[in-house]
PDB file of N, CA and C in Angstrom:
ATOM      1  N   MET A   1      -2.209  -3.489  15.992  1.00  0.00           N
ATOM      2  CA  MET A   1      -2.135  -2.911  14.814  1.00  0.00           C
ATOM      3  C   MET A   1      -3.459  -2.327  14.773  1.00  0.00           C
ATOM      4  N   THR A   2      -3.029  -1.122  13.749  1.00  0.00           N
ATOM      5  CA  THR A   2      -4.357  -0.128  13.752  1.00  0.00           C
ATOM      6  C   THR A   2      -4.494  -0.542  12.365  1.00  0.00           C
ATOM      7  N   GLN A   3      -6.044  -0.556  11.818  1.00  0.00           N
ATOM      8  CA  GLN A   3      -6.286  -0.773  10.443  1.00  0.00           C
ATOM      9  C   GLN A   3      -7.487  -0.008   9.919  1.00  0.00           C
ATOM     10  N   HIS A   4      -7.322   0.697   8.727  1.00  0.00           N
ATOM     11  CA  HIS A   4      -8.505   1.655   8.442  1.00  0.00           C
ATOM     12  C   HIS A   4      -9.141   1.405   7.038  1.00  0.00           C
ATOM     13  N   ARG A   5     -10.516   1.391   6.641  1.00  0.00           N
ATOM     14  CA  ARG A   5     -10.778   1.262   5.356  1.00  0.00           C
ATOM     15  C   ARG A   5     -11.787   2.095   5.071  1.00  0.00           C
ATOM     16  N   ALA A   6     -12.436   2.672   4.000  1.00  0.00           N
ATOM     17  CA  ALA A   6     -13.049   3.790   3.636  1.00  0.00           C
ATOM     18  C   ALA A   6     -13.225   3.763   2.197  1.00  0.00           C
ATOM     19  N   GLU A   7     -14.461   3.586   1.381  1.00  0.00           N
ATOM     20  CA  GLU A   7     -14.781   3.623   0.158  1.00  0.00           C
ATOM     21  C   GLU A   7     -16.451   4.263  -0.303  1.00  0.00           C
ATOM     22  N   ILE A   8     -16.274   4.766  -1.365  1.00  0.00           N
ATOM     23  CA  ILE A   8     -17.443   5.668  -1.622  1.00  0.00           C
ATOM     24  C   ILE A   8     -17.629   5.046  -3.309  1.00  0.00           C
ATOM     25  N   ALA A   9     -19.300   4.766  -3.258  1.00  0.00           N
ATOM     26  CA  ALA A   9     -19.614   4.984  -5.054  1.00  0.00           C
ATOM     27  C   ALA A   9     -20.321   6.243  -5.263  1.00  0.00           C
ATOM     28  N   ASP A  10     -19.492   6.516  -6.836  1.00  0.00           N
ATOM     29  CA  ASP A  10     -20.952   7.591  -7.064  1.00  0.00           C
ATOM     30  C   ASP A  10     -21.970   6.875  -7.850  1.00  0.00           C
ATOM     31  N   GLY A  11     -22.576   7.534  -8.655  1.00  0.00           N
ATOM     32  CA  GLY A  11     -23.983   7.180  -9.207  1.00  0.00           C
ATOM     33  C   GLY A  11     -23.507   6.544 -10.520  1.00  0.00           C
ATOM     34  N   THR A  12     -22.450   6.704 -10.881  1.00  0.00           N
ATOM     35  CA  THR A  12     -21.735   6.165 -12.327  1.00  0.00           C
ATOM     36  C   THR A  12     -21.359   4.940 -12.296  1.00  0.00           C
ATOM     37  N   GLY A  13     -21.078   4.504 -10.814  1.00  0.00           N
ATOM     38  CA  GLY A  13     -20.883   3.177 -10.944  1.00  0.00           C
ATOM     39  C   GLY A  13     -19.207   3.248 -10.773  1.00  0.00           C
ATOM     40  N   ALA A  14     -18.060   4.285 -10.656  1.00  0.00           N
ATOM     41  CA  ALA A  14     -17.169   4.503 -10.218  1.00  0.00           C
ATOM     42  C   ALA A  14     -16.785   4.328  -8.902  1.00  0.00           C
ATOM     43  N   VAL A  15     -15.999   3.416  -8.340  1.00  0.00           N
ATOM     44  CA  VAL A  15     -15.706   3.411  -6.125  1.00  0.00           C
ATOM     45  C   VAL A  15     -13.883   4.068  -6.388  1.00  0.00           C
ATOM     46  N   ARG A  16     -14.193   4.678  -4.961  1.00  0.00           N
ATOM     47  CA  ARG A  16     -12.722   5.115  -4.648  1.00  0.00           C
ATOM     48  C   ARG A  16     -13.067   5.120  -3.300  1.00  0.00           C
ATOM     49  N   GLY A  17     -11.461   4.269  -2.940  1.00  0.00           N
ATOM     50  CA  GLY A  17     -11.069   4.152  -1.623  1.00  0.00           C
ATOM     51  C   GLY A  17     -10.328   4.107  -0.879  1.00  0.00           C
ATOM     52  N   LYS A  18      -9.607   3.515  -0.099  1.00  0.00           N
ATOM     53  CA  LYS A  18      -8.128   3.407   0.676  1.00  0.00           C
ATOM     54  C   LYS A  18      -8.525   2.530   2.134  1.00  0.00           C
ATOM     55  N   TYR A  19      -7.424   1.814   1.915  1.00  0.00           N
ATOM     56  CA  TYR A  19      -7.325   0.673   3.164  1.00  0.00           C
ATOM     57  C   TYR A  19      -5.887   0.666   3.606  1.00  0.00           C
ATOM     58  N   GLY A  20      -5.910   0.291   4.912  1.00  0.00           N
ATOM     59  CA  GLY A  20      -4.488   0.259   5.272  1.00  0.00           C
ATOM     60  C   GLY A  20      -4.227  -0.196   6.597  1.00  0.00           C
ATOM     61  N   PHE A  21      -2.930  -0.696   7.250  1.00  0.00           N
ATOM     62  CA  PHE A  21      -2.758  -0.614   8.200  1.00  0.00           C
ATOM     63  C   PHE A  21      -1.423  -0.010   8.995  1.00  0.00           C
ATOM     64  N   THR A  22      -1.227   0.096  10.132  1.00  0.00           N
ATOM     65  CA  THR A  22       0.033   0.398  10.718  1.00  0.00           C
ATOM     66  C   THR A  22       0.289  -0.628  11.950  1.00  0.00           C
ATOM     67  N   ASP A  23       1.268  -0.890  12.090  1.00  0.00           N
ATOM     68  CA  ASP A  23       1.610  -2.017  13.097  1.00  0.00           C
ATOM     69  C   ASP A  23       2.219  -1.294  14.080  1.00  0.00           C
ATOM     70  N   PRO A  24       2.594  -2.070  15.515  1.00  0.00           N
ATOM     71  CA  PRO A  24       3.007  -1.576  16.456  1.00  0.00           C
ATOM     72  C   PRO A  24       4.416  -0.847  16.493  1.00  0.00           C
ATOM     73  N   GLN A  25       5.476  -1.553  15.421  1.00  0.00           N
ATOM     74  CA  GLN A  25       6.504  -1.090  15.224  1.00  0.00           C
ATOM     75  C   GLN A  25       6.476   0.072  13.945  1.00  0.00           C
ATOM     76  N   GLY A  26       5.606   0.373  13.812  1.00  0.00           N
ATOM     77  CA  GLY A  26       5.901   1.330  12.736  1.00  0.00           C
ATOM     78  C   GLY A  26       6.041   1.162  11.482  1.00  0.00           C
ATOM     79  N   LEU A  27       5.692   0.189  10.955  1.00  0.00           N
ATOM     80  CA  LEU A  27       5.233  -0.428  10.134  1.00  0.00           C
ATOM     81  C   LEU A  27       3.714  -0.296   9.276  1.00  0.00           C
ATOM     82  N   PHE A  28       3.775   0.604   7.739  1.00  0.00           N
ATOM     83  CA  PHE A  28       2.283   0.240   7.527  1.00  0.00           C
ATOM     84  C   PHE A  28       2.455  -0.105   5.958  1.00  0.00           C
ATOM     85  N   ARG A  29       0.670   0.009   5.320  1.00  0.00           N
ATOM     86  CA  ARG A  29       1.130   0.168   4.315  1.00  0.00           C
ATOM     87  C   ARG A  29      -0.549   0.753   4.171  1.00  0.00           C
ATOM     88  N   ASN A  30      -0.771   1.469   3.081  1.00  0.00           N
ATOM     89  CA  ASN A  30      -1.922   1.900   2.674  1.00  0.00           C
ATOM     90  C   ASN A  30      -1.929   2.208   0.874  1.00  0.00           C
ATOM     91  N   VAL A  31      -2.950   1.842   0.574  1.00  0.00           N
ATOM     92  CA  VAL A  31      -3.442   1.541  -0.730  1.00  0.00           C
ATOM     93  C   VAL A  31      -4.234   2.851  -0.853  1.00  0.00           C
ATOM     94  N   GLU A  32      -4.441   3.658  -1.889  1.00  0.00           N
ATOM     95  CA  GLU A  32      -5.536   4.559  -2.712  1.00  0.00           C
ATOM     96  C   GLU A  32      -5.931   3.864  -3.468  1.00  0.00           C
ATOM     97  N   TYR A  33      -7.301   3.975  -4.174  1.00  0.00           N
ATOM     98  CA  TYR A  33      -7.326   3.151  -5.777  1.00  0.00           C
ATOM     99  C   TYR A  33      -8.970   3.739  -6.095  1.00  0.00           C
ATOM    100  N   ILE A  34      -8.991   4.004  -7.372  1.00  0.00           N
ATOM    101  CA  ILE A  34     -10.581   4.039  -7.844  1.00  0.00           C
ATOM    102  C   ILE A  34     -10.537   2.910  -8.909  1.00  0.00           C
ATOM    103  N   ALA A  35     -11.388   2.575  -8.760  1.00  0.00           N
ATOM    104  CA  ALA A  35     -12.243   1.391 -10.132  1.00  0.00           C
ATOM    105  C   ALA A  35     -13.189   2.275 -10.967  1.00  0.00           C
ATOM    106  N   ASP A  36     -12.995   2.713 -12.139  1.00  0.00           N
ATOM    107  CA  ASP A  36     -13.904   3.218 -13.006  1.00  0.00           C
ATOM    108  C   ASP A  36     -14.333   2.320 -14.268  1.00  0.00           C
ATOM    109  N   VAL A  37     -14.610   3.279 -14.971  1.00  0.00           N
ATOM    110  CA  VAL A  37     -14.574   2.788 -16.697  1.00  0.00           C
ATOM    111  C   VAL A  37     -13.113   2.387 -17.011  1.00  0.00           C
ATOM    112  N   ASN A  38     -12.190   2.866 -16.499  1.00  0.00           N
ATOM    113  CA  ASN A  38     -10.769   3.506 -16.820  1.00  0.00           C
ATOM    114  C   ASN A  38     -10.017   1.882 -16.467  1.00  0.00           C
ATOM    115  N   GLY A  39     -10.945   1.042 -15.551  1.00  0.00           N
ATOM    116  CA  GLY A  39     -10.576  -0.094 -14.801  1.00  0.00           C
ATOM    117  C   GLY A  39     -10.330   0.052 -13.628  1.00  0.00           C
ATOM    118  N   TYR A  40      -9.453  -0.403 -12.649  1.00  0.00           N
ATOM    119  CA  TYR A  40      -8.795  -0.251 -11.266  1.00  0.00           C
ATOM    120  C   TYR A  40      -7.096   0.117 -11.112  1.00  0.00           C
ATOM    121  N   ARG A  41      -7.293   1.434 -10.902  1.00  0.00           N
ATOM    122  CA  ARG A  41      -5.474   2.196 -10.171  1.00  0.00           C
ATOM    123  C   ARG A  41      -5.301   2.065  -8.680  1.00  0.00           C
ATOM    124  N   ALA A  42      -4.355   1.938  -8.348  1.00  0.00           N
ATOM    125  CA  ALA A  42      -3.927   2.169  -7.358  1.00  0.00           C
ATOM    126  C   ALA A  42      -2.452   3.038  -7.006  1.00  0.00           C
ATOM    127  N   VAL A  43      -2.296   3.434  -5.797  1.00  0.00           N
ATOM    128  CA  VAL A  43      -1.100   4.004  -5.046  1.00  0.00           C
ATOM    129  C   VAL A  43      -0.944   3.354  -3.808  1.00  0.00           C
ATOM    130  N   ILE A  44       0.253   2.417  -3.680  1.00  0.00           N
ATOM    131  CA  ILE A  44       0.355   1.942  -2.642  1.00  0.00           C
ATOM    132  C   ILE A  44       1.878   2.187  -1.979  1.00  0.00           C
ATOM    133  N   ARG A  45       1.388   2.803  -0.067  1.00  0.00           N
ATOM    134  CA  ARG A  45       2.540   3.583  -0.106  1.00  0.00           C
ATOM    135  C   ARG A  45       3.100   2.661   1.473  1.00  0.00           C
ATOM    136  N   SER A  46       4.155   2.291   1.120  1.00  0.00           N
ATOM    137  CA  SER A  46       4.266   1.420   2.405  1.00  0.00           C
ATOM    138  C   SER A  46       6.092   1.537   2.948  1.00  0.00           C
ATOM    139  N   ASN A  47       6.674   0.818   4.113  1.00  0.00           N
ATOM    140  CA  ASN A  47       7.742   0.800   4.557  1.00  0.00           C
ATOM    141  C   ASN A  47       7.941  -0.899   5.114  1.00  0.00           C
ATOM    142  N   GLU A  48       7.422  -1.598   4.264  1.00  0.00           N
ATOM    143  CA  GLU A  48       7.564  -2.994   4.523  1.00  0.00           C
ATOM    144  C   GLU A  48       9.019  -3.426   4.135  1.00  0.00           C
ATOM    145  N   PRO A  49      10.126  -4.023   4.584  1.00  0.00           N
ATOM    146  CA  PRO A  49      10.987  -4.737   4.753  1.00  0.00           C
ATOM    147  C   PRO A  49      10.237  -5.732   2.883  1.00  0.00           C
ATOM    148  N   GLY A  50      11.058  -5.341   2.097  1.00  0.00           N
ATOM    149  CA  GLY A  50      11.170  -6.210   0.591  1.00  0.00           C
ATOM    150  C   GLY A  50      10.286  -5.616  -0.055  1.00  0.00           C
ATOM    151  N   ALA A  51       9.691  -4.356  -0.313  1.00  0.00           N
ATOM    152  CA  ALA A  51       8.787  -3.504  -0.816  1.00  0.00           C
ATOM    153  C   ALA A  51      10.211  -2.592  -1.971  1.00  0.00           C
ATOM    154  N   ILE A  52       9.486  -2.678  -2.915  1.00  0.00           N
ATOM    155  CA  ILE A  52      10.692  -1.461  -3.607  1.00  0.00           C
ATOM    156  C   ILE A  52       9.704  -0.693  -4.423  1.00  0.00           C
ATOM    157  N   SER A  53      10.005   0.672  -4.430  1.00  0.00           N
ATOM    158  CA  SER A  53       9.455   1.723  -5.591  1.00  0.00           C
ATOM    159  C   SER A  53       9.007   0.670  -6.830  1.00  0.00           C
ATOM    160  N   GLN A  54       7.505   0.985  -7.242  1.00  0.00           N
ATOM    161  CA  GLN A  54       8.109   0.499  -8.836  1.00  0.00           C
ATOM    162  C   GLN A  54       6.313   1.153  -9.676  1.00  0.00           C
ATOM    163  N   SER A  55       6.490   0.627 -10.669  1.00  0.00           N
ATOM    164  CA  SER A  55       4.973   0.402 -11.137  1.00  0.00           C
ATOM    165  C   SER A  55       4.925  -0.365 -11.833  1.00  0.00           C
ATOM    166  N   ALA A  56       3.956  -0.984 -11.379  1.00  0.00           N
ATOM    167  CA  ALA A  56       3.250  -2.094 -11.982  1.00  0.00           C
ATOM    168  C   ALA A  56       2.095  -2.670 -12.731  1.00  0.00           C
ATOM    169  N   GLY A  57       1.628  -2.564 -13.660  1.00  0.00           N
ATOM    170  CA  GLY A  57       0.682  -2.815 -14.242  1.00  0.00           C
ATOM    171  C   GLY A  57      -0.604  -1.077 -13.935  1.00  0.00           C
ATOM    172  N   ASP A  58      -1.348  -1.149 -13.342  1.00  0.00           N
ATOM    173  CA  ASP A  58      -1.771  -0.078 -12.613  1.00  0.00           C
ATOM    174  C   ASP A  58      -1.736   0.432 -11.305  1.00  0.00           C
ATOM    175  N   ALA A  59      -0.748   0.022 -10.626  1.00  0.00           N
ATOM    176  CA  ALA A  59      -0.494   0.288  -9.461  1.00  0.00           C
ATOM    177  C   ALA A  59       1.094   1.303  -9.773  1.00  0.00           C
ATOM    178  N   VAL A  60       1.362   1.925  -8.549  1.00  0.00           N
ATOM    179  CA  VAL A  60       2.249   2.534  -8.170  1.00  0.00           C
ATOM    180  C   VAL A  60       2.411   2.500  -6.742  1.00  0.00           C
ATOM    181  N   PHE A  61       3.814   2.334  -6.531  1.00  0.00           N
ATOM    182  CA  PHE A  61       4.448   1.514  -5.483  1.00  0.00           C
ATOM    183  C   PHE A  61       5.388   2.851  -5.197  1.00  0.00           C
ATOM    184  N   LEU A  62       4.947   3.331  -3.785  1.00  0.00           N
ATOM    185  CA  LEU A  62       5.914   4.574  -3.145  1.00  0.00           C
ATOM    186  C   LEU A  62       6.304   3.710  -2.485  1.00  0.00           C
ATOM    187  N   VAL A  63       7.909   3.319  -2.108  1.00  0.00           N
ATOM    188  CA  VAL A  63       8.076   2.813  -0.585  1.00  0.00           C
ATOM    189  C   VAL A  63       9.197   3.816   0.300  1.00  0.00           C
ATOM    190  N   ARG A  64       9.275   3.628   1.259  1.00  0.00           N
ATOM    191  CA  ARG A  64      10.170   4.369   2.232  1.00  0.00           C
ATOM    192  C   ARG A  64      10.634   2.861   2.900  1.00  0.00           C
ATOM    193  N   PRO A  65      12.366   3.721   3.382  1.00  0.00           N
ATOM    194  CA  PRO A  65      12.956   2.523   4.780  1.00  0.00           C
ATOM    195  C   PRO A  65      11.986   2.048   5.833  1.00  0.00           C
ATOM    196  N   PRO A  66      12.383   1.267   6.219  1.00  0.00           N
ATOM    197  CA  PRO A  66      11.780   0.070   7.495  1.00  0.00           C
ATOM    198  C   PRO A  66      11.492   1.254   8.549  1.00  0.00           C
ATOM    199  N   PRO A  67      11.153   1.046   9.895  1.00  0.00           N
ATOM    200  CA  PRO A  67      11.627   2.295  10.974  1.00  0.00           C
ATOM    201  C   PRO A  67      12.685   1.226  11.553  1.00  0.00           C
ATOM    202  N   PRO A  68      13.306   2.324  12.377  1.00  0.00           N
ATOM    203  CA  PRO A  68      14.690   1.738  13.255  1.00  0.00           C
ATOM    204  C   PRO A  68      14.214   0.255  13.368  1.00  0.00           C
ATOM    205  N   ALA A  69      13.040   0.314  14.790  1.00  0.00           N
ATOM    206  CA  ALA A  69      13.148  -0.691  15.361  1.00  0.00           C
ATOM    207  C   ALA A  69      13.324  -2.313  14.408  1.00  0.00           C
ATOM    208  N   VAL A  70      12.664  -2.115  13.525  1.00  0.00           N
ATOM    209  CA  VAL A  70      12.851  -3.250  12.285  1.00  0.00           C
ATOM    210  C   VAL A  70      14.050  -3.282  11.465  1.00  0.00           C
ATOM    211  N   ILE A  71      14.532  -2.404  11.025  1.00  0.00           N
ATOM    212  CA  ILE A  71      15.953  -2.793  10.793  1.00  0.00           C
ATOM    213  C   ILE A  71      16.755  -3.281  11.667  1.00  0.00           C
ATOM    214  N   ALA A  72      16.823  -3.225  13.321  1.00  0.00           N
ATOM    215  CA  ALA A  72      17.392  -3.589  14.442  1.00  0.00           C
ATOM    216  C   ALA A  72      17.477  -5.017  14.377  1.00  0.00           C
ATOM    217  N   GLN A  73      16.174  -5.639  14.068  1.00  0.00           N
ATOM    218  CA  GLN A  73      16.134  -7.012  13.851  1.00  0.00           C
ATOM    219  C   GLN A  73      16.363  -7.962  13.029  1.00  0.00           C
ATOM    220  N   GLY A  74      17.376  -7.095  11.988  1.00  0.00           N
ATOM    221  CA  GLY A  74      17.588  -7.777  10.884  1.00  0.00           C
ATOM    222  C   GLY A  74      16.696  -8.153   9.559  1.00  0.00           C
ATOM    223  N   LEU A  75      15.301  -7.958   9.233  1.00  0.00           N
ATOM    224  CA  LEU A  75      14.746  -7.718   8.515  1.00  0.00           C
ATOM    225  C   LEU A  75      15.208  -7.710   7.712  1.00  0.00           C
ATOM    226  N   ARG A  76      15.100  -8.368   6.011  1.00  0.00           N
ATOM    227  CA  ARG A  76      15.933  -7.819   5.175  1.00  0.00           C
ATOM    228  C   ARG A  76      14.722  -7.586   3.854  1.00  0.00           C
ATOM    229  N   ARG A  77      15.267  -7.122   2.722  1.00  0.00           N
ATOM    230  CA  ARG A  77      14.419  -6.887   1.623  1.00  0.00           C
ATOM    231  C   ARG A  77      14.638  -8.273   0.801  1.00  0.00           C
ATOM    232  N   PRO A  78      13.966  -8.723   1.117  1.00  0.00           N
ATOM    233  CA  PRO A  78      13.814 -10.329   0.411  1.00  0.00           C
ATOM    234  C   PRO A  78      12.800 -10.227  -0.852  1.00  0.00           C
ATOM    235  N   VAL A  79      11.790  -9.658  -1.342  1.00  0.00           N
ATOM    236  CA  VAL A  79      10.949  -9.839  -2.159  1.00  0.00           C
ATOM    237  C   VAL A  79      10.452  -8.894  -2.543  1.00  0.00           C
ATOM    238  N   PRO A  80      10.236  -7.955  -3.899  1.00  0.00           N
ATOM    239  CA  PRO A  80       9.529  -6.794  -4.225  1.00  0.00           C
ATOM    240  C   PRO A  80       7.875  -7.098  -3.774  1.00  0.00           C
ATOM    241  N   LEU A  81       7.474  -6.254  -3.490  1.00  0.00           N
ATOM    242  CA  LEU A  81       5.771  -6.590  -2.770  1.00  0.00           C
ATOM    243  C   LEU A  81       5.113  -6.168  -4.474  1.00  0.00           C
ATOM    244  N   VAL A  82       4.175  -7.246  -4.039  1.00  0.00           N
ATOM    245  CA  VAL A  82       3.324  -7.519  -5.253  1.00  0.00           C
ATOM    246  C   VAL A  82       1.984  -7.108  -5.247  1.00  0.00           C
ATOM    247  N   ALA A  83       1.347  -6.114  -5.675  1.00  0.00           N
ATOM    248  CA  ALA A  83      -0.337  -5.864  -6.111  1.00  0.00           C
ATOM    249  C   ALA A  83      -0.971  -6.875  -6.336  1.00  0.00           C
ATOM    250  N   VAL A  84      -2.059  -7.243  -5.565  1.00  0.00           N
ATOM    251  CA  VAL A  84      -3.097  -8.057  -5.573  1.00  0.00           C
ATOM    252  C   VAL A  84      -4.279  -7.845  -6.152  1.00  0.00           C
TER     253      VAL A  84
END
């Protein structure tokens, strides 16, 4: 599994960042966010089974179908992805 994380703050207290992972089968989750005087806002891109495209609070989920190798294992879409 590969993981990444980067974050930068400016002099006003605003923070922008991104983090995520990709596993050996091609499943991924990538989060880009900003936290500033307007609160925390995120865009989550994923292809995890169980995730659905939606807007929840200040998070937008953009979901693609899981990779063929994962589908071949019979994994289902059990529950929506929830922002933490």
